[in-house]
Amino acid sequence: MEEYDGLIVALLSAALMIFYIFIEARPKGSHFVESVKNTITRFFRSR
């Protein structure tokens, strides 16, 4: 299994890069990162 570690890392990074490009690289853009940031900010907001 150790000989496939580099291949697994390369495939995982390629999949994440393709996901990021698909979500963010659009004519009007997307609000995916902004919505995640707002959710995290709302979770850690002091009351």
C-alpha atoms as a PDB file:
ATOM      1  CA  MET A   1       0.000   0.000   0.000  1.00  0.00           C
ATOM      2  CA  GLU A   2       2.946   2.334   0.620  1.00  0.00           C
ATOM      3  CA  GLU A   3       3.803   2.431  -3.065  1.00  0.00           C
ATOM      4  CA  TYR A   4       0.359   3.912  -3.788  1.00  0.00           C
ATOM      5  CA  ASP A   5       0.506   6.716  -1.210  1.00  0.00           C
ATOM      6  CA  GLY A   6       1.818   9.247  -3.731  1.00  0.00           C
ATOM      7  CA  LEU A   7      -0.857   8.263  -6.230  1.00  0.00           C
ATOM      8  CA  ILE A   8      -3.612   8.605  -3.620  1.00  0.00           C
ATOM      9  CA  VAL A   9      -2.373  12.059  -2.608  1.00  0.00           C
ATOM     10  CA  ALA A  10      -2.144  13.167  -6.246  1.00  0.00           C
ATOM     11  CA  LEU A  11      -5.667  11.940  -7.055  1.00  0.00           C
ATOM     12  CA  LEU A  12      -7.128  13.520  -3.918  1.00  0.00           C
ATOM     13  CA  SER A  13      -5.471  16.868  -4.603  1.00  0.00           C
ATOM     14  CA  ALA A  14      -6.602  16.762  -8.241  1.00  0.00           C
ATOM     15  CA  ALA A  15     -10.187  16.022  -7.173  1.00  0.00           C
ATOM     16  CA  LEU A  16     -10.179  18.914  -4.689  1.00  0.00           C
ATOM     17  CA  MET A  17      -8.654  21.264  -7.269  1.00  0.00           C
ATOM     18  CA  ILE A  18     -11.289  20.288  -9.855  1.00  0.00           C
ATOM     19  CA  PHE A  19     -14.040  20.840  -7.260  1.00  0.00           C
ATOM     20  CA  TYR A  20     -12.656  24.294  -6.398  1.00  0.00           C
ATOM     21  CA  ILE A  21     -12.366  25.301 -10.050  1.00  0.00           C
ATOM     22  CA  PHE A  22     -15.867  24.029 -10.817  1.00  0.00           C
ATOM     23  CA  ILE A  23     -17.393  25.908  -7.871  1.00  0.00           C
ATOM     24  CA  GLU A  24     -15.468  29.188  -7.998  1.00  0.00           C
ATOM     25  CA  ALA A  25     -14.528  29.760 -11.647  1.00  0.00           C
ATOM     26  CA  ARG A  26     -17.877  30.817 -13.052  1.00  0.00           C
ATOM     27  CA  PRO A  27     -18.872  34.033 -14.823  1.00  0.00           C
ATOM     28  CA  LYS A  28     -20.710  35.437 -11.795  1.00  0.00           C
ATOM     29  CA  GLY A  29     -18.660  33.442  -9.284  1.00  0.00           C
ATOM     30  CA  SER A  30     -20.212  31.582  -6.422  1.00  0.00           C
ATOM     31  CA  HIS A  31     -20.806  32.187  -2.778  1.00  0.00           C
ATOM     32  CA  PHE A  32     -19.645  28.773  -1.538  1.00  0.00           C
ATOM     33  CA  VAL A  33     -16.598  30.029   0.375  1.00  0.00           C
ATOM     34  CA  GLU A  34     -18.516  33.053   1.652  1.00  0.00           C
ATOM     35  CA  SER A  35     -21.396  30.916   2.940  1.00  0.00           C
ATOM     36  CA  VAL A  36     -19.016  28.544   4.716  1.00  0.00           C
ATOM     37  CA  LYS A  37     -17.213  31.517   6.259  1.00  0.00           C
ATOM     38  CA  ASN A  38     -20.504  33.029   7.414  1.00  0.00           C
ATOM     39  CA  THR A  39     -21.553  29.728   8.979  1.00  0.00           C
ATOM     40  CA  ILE A  40     -18.282  29.428  10.887  1.00  0.00           C
ATOM     41  CA  THR A  41     -18.451  33.063  11.971  1.00  0.00           C
ATOM     42  CA  ARG A  42     -22.029  32.622  13.175  1.00  0.00           C
ATOM     43  CA  PHE A  43     -21.016  29.499  15.118  1.00  0.00           C
ATOM     44  CA  PHE A  44     -18.158  31.269  16.951  1.00  0.00           C
ATOM     45  CA  ARG A  45     -20.008  34.543  17.504  1.00  0.00           C
ATOM     46  CA  SER A  46     -20.190  35.582  21.149  1.00  0.00           C
ATOM     47  CA  ARG A  47     -23.610  36.129  22.616  1.00  0.00           C
END
